[in-house]
C-alpha cells in the first residue's frame, strides 16, 4: 500500500524553521514598540520608575537582550546546523522562548495578542522539529 505522506527535504525544513523564527522576532519587536505607545509607559522607563512592579535596570536589560537574541540567532542556526543538532536547538530555543514571552510581558491585550502568535509559532517549531526526519538521499 502506497503512503500519501510527502517527505519534505531537509533544506525545505530548515527554510521553514528559519522563516518561523523571523516571524517570532518581528512579532517580539512590534509587541515592544506598540507597548511603548501606552500612555506613560515610555516616560516611566526613562524616569526609572517601576512598570507593573518591575524596575528596569541594566542587568534586566541585559537579560532581556540575551533572551531576545535567541530568535535572532535561530534564524541563522536553523539554516546552517546539521540535521540532528538543528532539531534539538530548535526544540530547546522554542521552549525557552515560550517561557520568556509568556512570563515577561506587560499584561495588556496587545501584548497577549502578540504573545499568543509567538507561542503558536514556537509550538509549530517544536512539532516540526520533533517530526523532522532526514531522508535517505540526504547527507
Protein backbone atom coordinates (compact mmCIF):
# COMPACT_ATOMS: atom_id res chain seq x y z
CA UNK A 1 0.00 0.00 0.00
CA UNK A 2 1.40 3.36 -1.02
CA UNK A 3 1.81 6.08 1.62
CA UNK A 4 0.28 9.50 0.91
CA UNK A 5 2.75 11.35 3.12
CA UNK A 6 5.10 13.76 1.42
CA UNK A 7 8.73 13.83 2.53
CA UNK A 8 9.90 17.42 2.98
CA UNK A 9 13.58 17.91 2.23
CA UNK A 10 15.98 18.88 4.98
CA UNK A 11 16.69 22.19 3.24
CA UNK A 12 12.98 22.99 2.99
CA UNK A 13 12.54 22.21 6.70
CA UNK A 14 15.47 24.47 7.54
CA UNK A 15 13.94 27.27 5.47
CA UNK A 16 10.57 26.87 7.15
CA UNK A 17 12.09 26.88 10.64
CA UNK A 18 14.15 29.95 9.85
CA UNK A 19 11.08 31.75 8.48
CA UNK A 20 9.12 30.97 11.65
CA UNK A 21 11.94 32.44 13.74
CA UNK A 22 11.82 35.60 11.60
CA UNK A 23 8.07 35.76 12.26
CA UNK A 24 8.64 35.41 16.01
CA UNK A 25 11.37 38.04 16.09
CA UNK A 26 9.27 40.59 14.17
CA UNK A 27 6.31 39.99 16.48
CA UNK A 28 8.54 40.49 19.52
CA UNK A 29 9.78 43.80 18.13
CA UNK A 30 6.29 45.05 17.32
CA UNK A 31 4.96 43.97 20.73
CA UNK A 32 7.66 46.11 22.37
CA UNK A 33 7.17 49.07 20.02
CA UNK A 34 3.41 49.13 20.49
CA UNK A 35 3.88 48.62 24.24
CA UNK A 36 5.88 51.85 24.37
CA UNK A 37 2.84 53.67 22.93
CA UNK A 38 0.69 53.04 26.00
CA UNK A 39 0.26 56.39 27.76
CA UNK A 40 3.07 56.95 30.23
CA UNK A 41 4.94 53.70 29.51
CA UNK A 42 7.98 55.26 27.86
CA UNK A 43 8.09 58.10 30.41
CA UNK A 44 8.20 55.55 33.25
CA UNK A 45 11.06 53.68 31.59
CA UNK A 46 13.09 56.86 31.05
CA UNK A 47 12.41 58.03 34.62
CA UNK A 48 13.47 54.66 36.05
CA UNK A 49 10.03 54.07 37.57
CA UNK A 50 8.67 50.54 38.01
CA UNK A 51 6.49 49.15 35.23
CA UNK A 52 3.99 46.64 36.58
CA UNK A 53 6.18 46.32 39.68
CA UNK A 54 9.43 45.81 37.74
CA UNK A 55 12.23 48.36 37.76
CA UNK A 56 14.17 48.46 34.50
CA UNK A 57 17.84 48.03 35.45
CA UNK A 58 20.91 47.50 33.27
CA UNK A 59 21.01 43.86 34.42
CA UNK A 60 17.38 43.33 33.44
CA UNK A 61 18.05 44.91 30.05
CA UNK A 62 21.00 42.54 29.54
CA UNK A 63 18.87 39.51 30.39
CA UNK A 64 16.20 40.79 28.00
CA UNK A 65 18.78 41.30 25.27
CA UNK A 66 20.13 37.77 25.73
CA UNK A 67 16.64 36.27 25.58
CA UNK A 68 15.74 38.33 22.51
CA UNK A 69 18.90 37.10 20.86
CA UNK A 70 17.53 33.54 20.84
CA UNK A 71 15.13 34.05 17.89
CA UNK A 72 17.68 36.19 16.07
CA UNK A 73 20.35 33.51 16.38
CA UNK A 74 17.91 30.74 15.49
CA UNK A 75 17.25 32.37 12.10
CA UNK A 76 20.85 31.61 11.15
CA UNK A 77 21.26 28.40 13.13
CA UNK A 78 18.17 26.85 11.55
CA UNK A 79 19.67 27.29 8.10
CA UNK A 80 23.23 26.10 8.77
CA UNK A 81 23.34 23.48 11.51
CA UNK A 82 23.22 19.82 10.59
CA UNK A 83 20.01 17.83 10.97
CA UNK A 84 20.33 16.26 14.44
CA UNK A 85 21.74 19.24 16.32
CA UNK A 86 19.42 21.58 14.44
CA UNK A 87 16.35 19.69 15.64
CA UNK A 88 17.39 19.90 19.30
CA UNK A 89 18.44 23.57 19.12
CA UNK A 90 15.03 24.44 17.66
CA UNK A 91 13.12 22.47 20.30
CA UNK A 92 15.08 23.94 23.23
CA UNK A 93 15.08 27.50 21.83
CA UNK A 94 11.33 27.39 21.15
CA UNK A 95 10.64 26.13 24.69
CA UNK A 96 12.80 28.88 26.26
CA UNK A 97 11.09 31.46 24.04
CA UNK A 98 7.62 30.29 25.13
CA UNK A 99 8.61 30.61 28.79
CA UNK A 100 10.11 34.05 28.14
CA UNK A 101 7.22 35.56 26.18
CA UNK A 102 4.55 34.08 28.45
CA UNK A 103 6.18 35.25 31.65
CA UNK A 104 7.97 38.51 30.95
CA UNK A 105 5.50 40.86 29.27
CA UNK A 106 3.12 43.52 30.46
CA UNK A 107 -0.40 42.15 30.85
CA UNK A 108 -2.15 44.13 28.12
CA UNK A 109 -4.50 42.93 25.41
CA UNK A 110 -1.99 43.92 22.72
CA UNK A 111 0.85 42.07 24.43
CA UNK A 112 -1.23 38.90 24.81
CA UNK A 113 -2.22 39.12 21.15
CA UNK A 114 1.44 39.14 20.09
CA UNK A 115 2.35 36.62 22.78
CA UNK A 116 -0.24 34.14 21.52
CA UNK A 117 1.13 34.42 17.96
CA UNK A 118 4.69 33.91 19.19
CA UNK A 119 3.71 30.90 21.31
CA UNK A 120 1.77 29.38 18.41
CA UNK A 121 4.80 29.78 16.11
CA UNK A 122 7.06 28.23 18.77
CA UNK A 123 4.71 25.28 19.11
CA UNK A 124 4.79 24.81 15.34
CA UNK A 125 8.61 24.86 15.50
CA UNK A 126 8.60 22.23 18.25
CA UNK A 127 6.19 19.96 16.35
CA UNK A 128 8.09 20.40 13.07
CA UNK A 129 11.38 19.63 14.80
CA UNK A 130 10.04 16.54 16.52
CA UNK A 131 8.51 15.20 13.29
CA UNK A 132 11.54 16.13 11.15
CA UNK A 133 13.15 13.06 9.63
CA UNK A 134 16.17 13.08 7.40
CA UNK A 135 15.52 11.33 4.10
CA UNK A 136 17.84 8.57 2.89
CA UNK A 137 19.17 10.60 -0.07
CA UNK A 138 20.37 13.47 2.15
CA UNK A 139 23.73 13.53 3.87
